[in-house]
Amino acid sequence: MLKFTKYLLVVLIFALYARVEAADIAGYEMKLPSQEREVKVVYFHAPGDAPRPAALLLHGAGGFDRRIADYSRYAAAVAETGIDAYLVYYYSNADIEGGGGNFEVRYPAWARLVDDLADYLLAQKTSNGKIGLVGFSNGGILATGAAVLDSKINAAVIYYGTEPWPLKNAIRRYPPLLVLHGDADEIIPVDAGRQLAEKARELGTAVDLVVYPNEVHGFGSNIAGKNGADALARTLAFLKKELLAP
């Protein structure tokens, strides 16, 4: 009887795990409008039809496609919390042909494009009036700039990013920030994340800075890894607090 009970428990756990895996939210490609052009996104619809927030996910220099399965699982996890998630392909065809564009030159246009998308989504009847950004590497630097330029951005998660140094605008505000960085990052050193958090706090911004010991650049999309999973859990809790709380 004991052996049978243990076997049944294993079967039930496996069935529950399979059901969770099967319930992953699938994304589908669509276009959203901006002043510059229509922008390709992959949309992960949060369950239900009630008004809900949205989160725009911004890729690093290499784009999403080389790790699309990882980023899709990440976006699906965001959607499962009740927040619509969008993988935003902010590079134009010319940017792609130029190897990702001239970051400093194109940065202001990309920031405006992100803000256009945010404004469009906020105007939809499905919106609860709140929107957040999640940026990885160059996308993290872009997220800080888009948040500086648009006061309607309610929250931003910055994976191994920096202050919006390509902007010439004076920085007067940030939304609440979650800053995630590895202290062994040799591409964007952890001091850049610490400086972002420090400067934002000087402006009165609520900032949660999490530094992962011995972690390198790019861990955020690896949600199967210990630090990637922890960062995702912190991101989901942060977005729920800032975007779903009354």
Protein backbone atom coordinates (compact mmCIF):
# COMPACT_ATOMS: atom_id res chain seq x y z
CA MET A 1 0.00 0.00 0.00
CA LEU A 2 2.85 2.37 0.84
CA LYS A 3 4.56 1.67 -2.47
CA PHE A 4 1.30 2.29 -4.32
CA THR A 5 0.75 5.57 -2.45
CA LYS A 6 4.24 6.78 -3.37
CA TYR A 7 3.66 5.76 -6.99
CA LEU A 8 0.34 7.62 -7.07
CA LEU A 9 1.97 10.72 -5.58
CA VAL A 10 4.65 10.66 -8.27
CA VAL A 11 2.01 10.28 -10.98
CA LEU A 12 0.02 13.20 -9.57
CA ILE A 13 3.09 15.43 -9.36
CA PHE A 14 4.05 14.53 -12.92
CA ALA A 15 0.50 15.22 -14.14
CA LEU A 16 0.46 18.58 -12.40
CA TYR A 17 3.83 19.50 -13.91
CA ALA A 18 2.67 18.44 -17.37
CA ARG A 19 -0.48 20.50 -16.97
CA VAL A 20 1.52 23.60 -16.01
CA GLU A 21 3.84 23.07 -18.97
CA ALA A 22 0.86 22.61 -21.28
CA ALA A 23 -0.72 25.79 -19.91
CA ASP A 24 2.19 27.95 -21.05
CA ILE A 25 0.83 30.92 -22.95
CA ALA A 26 1.83 30.95 -26.61
CA GLY A 27 2.84 34.20 -28.31
CA TYR A 28 1.76 35.33 -31.73
CA GLU A 29 3.28 37.88 -34.06
CA MET A 30 1.52 41.16 -34.78
CA LYS A 31 2.29 44.79 -35.65
CA LEU A 32 1.79 47.84 -33.44
CA PRO A 33 1.86 51.46 -34.65
CA SER A 34 4.48 54.07 -33.90
CA GLN A 35 5.28 57.39 -35.53
CA GLU A 36 8.38 55.95 -37.19
CA ARG A 37 6.84 52.74 -38.53
CA GLU A 38 4.81 49.69 -37.69
CA VAL A 39 6.69 47.58 -35.18
CA LYS A 40 6.83 43.80 -35.06
CA VAL A 41 6.00 42.36 -31.66
CA VAL A 42 5.24 38.91 -30.30
CA TYR A 43 2.20 39.19 -28.05
CA PHE A 44 1.50 36.98 -25.04
CA HIS A 45 -2.11 37.49 -23.94
CA ALA A 46 -2.77 37.36 -20.21
CA PRO A 47 -5.69 35.10 -19.25
CA GLY A 48 -9.17 36.59 -19.11
CA ASP A 49 -10.83 39.64 -20.61
CA ALA A 50 -10.67 42.12 -17.72
CA PRO A 51 -8.65 45.34 -18.11
CA ARG A 52 -5.01 44.58 -17.42
CA PRO A 53 -1.54 46.14 -17.59
CA ALA A 54 1.08 45.49 -20.24
CA ALA A 55 4.84 44.99 -20.20
CA LEU A 56 7.12 45.74 -23.14
CA LEU A 57 10.22 43.53 -23.26
CA LEU A 58 13.24 45.09 -24.98
CA HIS A 59 16.05 42.97 -26.41
CA GLY A 60 19.78 43.45 -26.22
CA ALA A 61 22.19 44.02 -29.10
CA GLY A 62 21.72 40.51 -30.50
CA GLY A 63 17.94 40.64 -30.66
CA PHE A 64 15.50 38.01 -29.39
CA ASP A 65 15.67 35.37 -32.09
CA ARG A 66 18.91 33.65 -31.12
CA ARG A 67 17.25 32.79 -27.77
CA ILE A 68 13.62 33.04 -28.79
CA ALA A 69 12.54 29.93 -26.85
CA ASP A 70 13.99 31.38 -23.64
CA TYR A 71 12.50 34.83 -24.13
CA SER A 72 9.15 33.30 -25.08
CA ARG A 73 9.07 31.33 -21.83
CA TYR A 74 9.99 34.51 -19.97
CA ALA A 75 7.17 36.48 -21.64
CA ALA A 76 4.70 33.65 -21.03
CA ALA A 77 5.58 33.75 -17.32
CA VAL A 78 4.83 37.49 -17.27
CA ALA A 79 1.49 36.92 -19.02
CA GLU A 80 0.54 34.16 -16.58
CA THR A 81 0.63 36.73 -13.76
CA GLY A 82 -2.12 38.74 -15.49
CA ILE A 83 0.09 41.18 -17.42
CA ASP A 84 0.05 41.25 -21.23
CA ALA A 85 3.63 40.78 -22.47
CA TYR A 86 5.15 41.96 -25.74
CA LEU A 87 8.54 41.07 -27.18
CA VAL A 88 9.35 44.32 -29.02
CA TYR A 89 11.54 44.14 -32.14
CA TYR A 90 12.59 47.77 -32.11
CA TYR A 91 15.28 47.41 -34.78
CA SER A 92 14.23 48.63 -38.24
CA ASN A 93 15.29 46.73 -41.36
CA ALA A 94 18.05 49.32 -41.80
CA ASP A 95 19.20 48.74 -38.22
CA ILE A 96 19.40 44.99 -38.85
CA GLU A 97 21.26 45.44 -42.12
CA GLY A 98 23.71 47.70 -40.31
CA GLY A 99 24.39 45.10 -37.64
CA GLY A 100 22.08 46.58 -35.04
CA GLY A 101 22.37 50.23 -35.98
CA ASN A 102 24.46 52.95 -34.44
CA PHE A 103 23.30 52.67 -30.83
CA GLU A 104 24.00 56.24 -29.77
CA VAL A 105 22.58 57.76 -32.97
CA ARG A 106 19.44 55.60 -33.10
CA TYR A 107 18.80 55.58 -29.36
CA PRO A 108 16.50 58.66 -29.17
CA ALA A 109 14.34 57.33 -32.01
CA TRP A 110 14.11 53.91 -30.41
CA ALA A 111 13.12 55.47 -27.08
CA ARG A 112 10.34 57.46 -28.79
CA LEU A 113 9.22 54.31 -30.59
CA VAL A 114 8.91 52.43 -27.29
CA ASP A 115 6.94 55.32 -25.82
CA ASP A 116 4.64 55.37 -28.87
CA LEU A 117 3.88 51.69 -28.33
CA ALA A 118 3.24 52.29 -24.64
CA ASP A 119 0.89 55.18 -25.38
CA TYR A 120 -0.97 53.09 -27.96
CA LEU A 121 -1.49 50.20 -25.55
CA LEU A 122 -2.56 52.51 -22.73
CA ALA A 123 -5.28 53.90 -25.01
CA GLN A 124 -6.83 50.47 -25.62
CA LYS A 125 -9.99 49.47 -23.77
CA THR A 126 -8.20 46.36 -22.48
CA SER A 127 -5.71 48.51 -20.53
CA ASN A 128 -6.00 49.12 -16.79
CA GLY A 129 -4.00 52.32 -17.30
CA LYS A 130 -0.61 50.93 -16.30
CA ILE A 131 2.41 49.79 -18.30
CA GLY A 132 5.94 48.64 -17.53
CA LEU A 133 9.21 47.98 -19.33
CA VAL A 134 11.64 45.06 -19.03
CA GLY A 135 14.97 45.67 -20.75
CA PHE A 136 17.96 43.39 -21.24
CA SER A 137 21.46 44.88 -21.75
CA ASN A 138 21.08 47.50 -24.54
CA GLY A 139 17.35 47.08 -24.02
CA GLY A 140 17.88 47.93 -20.35
CA ILE A 141 19.64 51.14 -21.34
CA LEU A 142 16.78 51.84 -23.76
CA ALA A 143 14.20 51.19 -21.04
CA THR A 144 15.70 53.83 -18.76
CA GLY A 145 15.57 56.39 -21.57
CA ALA A 146 12.00 55.55 -22.60
CA ALA A 147 10.94 55.80 -18.95
CA VAL A 148 12.64 59.19 -18.59
CA LEU A 149 10.86 60.55 -21.68
CA ASP A 150 7.37 59.24 -20.89
CA SER A 151 5.91 59.86 -17.45
CA LYS A 152 3.15 57.34 -18.19
CA ILE A 153 5.62 54.46 -17.76
CA ASN A 154 4.79 53.04 -14.33
CA ALA A 155 7.72 50.69 -13.71
CA ALA A 156 10.93 49.41 -15.31
CA VAL A 157 13.04 46.31 -14.80
CA ILE A 158 16.64 46.82 -15.88
CA TYR A 159 18.77 43.75 -16.54
CA TYR A 160 22.47 44.72 -16.69
CA GLY A 161 21.72 48.20 -18.02
CA THR A 162 22.78 51.77 -17.32
CA GLU A 163 21.53 55.28 -17.07
CA PRO A 164 20.20 56.61 -20.42
CA TRP A 165 23.53 58.17 -21.35
CA PRO A 166 22.71 58.69 -25.07
CA LEU A 167 19.93 61.12 -24.16
CA LYS A 168 20.81 64.78 -23.93
CA ASN A 169 17.71 65.50 -21.85
CA ALA A 170 18.06 66.40 -18.20
CA ILE A 171 16.86 63.46 -16.13
CA ARG A 172 14.20 64.60 -13.68
CA ARG A 173 12.36 61.39 -12.85
CA TYR A 174 12.34 57.63 -13.09
CA PRO A 175 9.49 55.27 -12.36
CA PRO A 176 10.04 52.63 -9.69
CA LEU A 177 13.01 50.50 -10.76
CA LEU A 178 14.19 46.94 -10.28
CA VAL A 179 17.87 46.78 -11.25
CA LEU A 180 19.40 43.32 -11.76
CA HIS A 181 23.12 42.85 -12.40
CA GLY A 182 25.92 40.32 -12.03
CA ASP A 183 29.10 41.44 -10.31
CA ALA A 184 31.26 39.48 -12.81
CA ASP A 185 29.74 41.25 -15.83
CA GLU A 186 32.59 42.27 -18.15
CA ILE A 187 30.36 43.79 -20.85
CA ILE A 188 28.41 46.27 -18.72
CA PRO A 189 30.20 46.41 -15.34
CA VAL A 190 28.10 46.18 -12.21
CA ASP A 191 29.16 49.72 -11.23
CA ALA A 192 26.92 50.97 -14.04
CA GLY A 193 23.91 49.33 -12.40
CA ARG A 194 24.89 50.67 -9.01
CA GLN A 195 25.26 54.17 -10.44
CA LEU A 196 21.82 53.97 -12.06
CA ALA A 197 20.29 52.96 -8.74
CA GLU A 198 22.15 55.70 -6.87
CA LYS A 199 21.16 58.46 -9.30
CA ALA A 200 17.55 57.30 -9.36
CA ARG A 201 17.37 57.31 -5.56
CA GLU A 202 18.72 60.86 -5.55
CA LEU A 203 15.62 61.79 -7.58
CA GLY A 204 13.37 60.18 -4.99
CA THR A 205 12.75 57.01 -6.98
CA ALA A 206 12.00 53.70 -5.28
CA VAL A 207 14.79 51.36 -6.41
CA ASP A 208 15.48 47.71 -5.65
CA LEU A 209 19.05 46.81 -6.68
CA VAL A 210 19.94 43.11 -6.76
CA VAL A 211 23.56 42.12 -7.47
CA TYR A 212 24.28 38.44 -8.17
CA PRO A 213 27.74 37.30 -7.01
CA ASN A 214 29.95 35.77 -9.71
CA GLU A 215 27.24 36.22 -12.35
CA VAL A 216 28.14 37.35 -15.87
CA HIS A 217 26.30 39.23 -18.62
CA GLY A 218 23.16 37.77 -20.19
CA PHE A 219 21.82 35.55 -17.39
CA GLY A 220 18.31 37.02 -17.52
CA SER A 221 16.94 34.92 -20.34
CA ASN A 222 18.17 31.69 -18.73
CA ILE A 223 15.22 31.22 -16.41
CA ALA A 224 16.18 27.57 -15.89
CA GLY A 225 19.34 28.76 -14.13
CA LYS A 226 19.40 29.65 -10.44
CA ASN A 227 20.02 33.38 -10.86
CA GLY A 228 17.82 33.68 -13.94
CA ALA A 229 14.96 32.03 -12.08
CA ASP A 230 15.47 34.27 -9.05
CA ALA A 231 15.57 37.38 -11.23
CA LEU A 232 12.36 36.34 -12.99
CA ALA A 233 10.61 35.72 -9.66
CA ARG A 234 11.68 39.16 -8.45
CA THR A 235 10.54 40.71 -11.74
CA LEU A 236 7.10 39.12 -11.53
CA ALA A 237 6.64 40.23 -7.92
CA PHE A 238 7.79 43.76 -8.77
CA LEU A 239 5.52 44.08 -11.83
CA LYS A 240 2.53 42.72 -9.93
CA LYS A 241 3.12 45.25 -7.16
CA GLU A 242 3.56 48.23 -9.49
CA LEU A 243 1.09 47.35 -12.25
CA LEU A 244 -1.63 45.18 -10.72
CA ALA A 245 -2.02 46.61 -7.23
CA PRO A 246 -4.94 49.06 -6.88
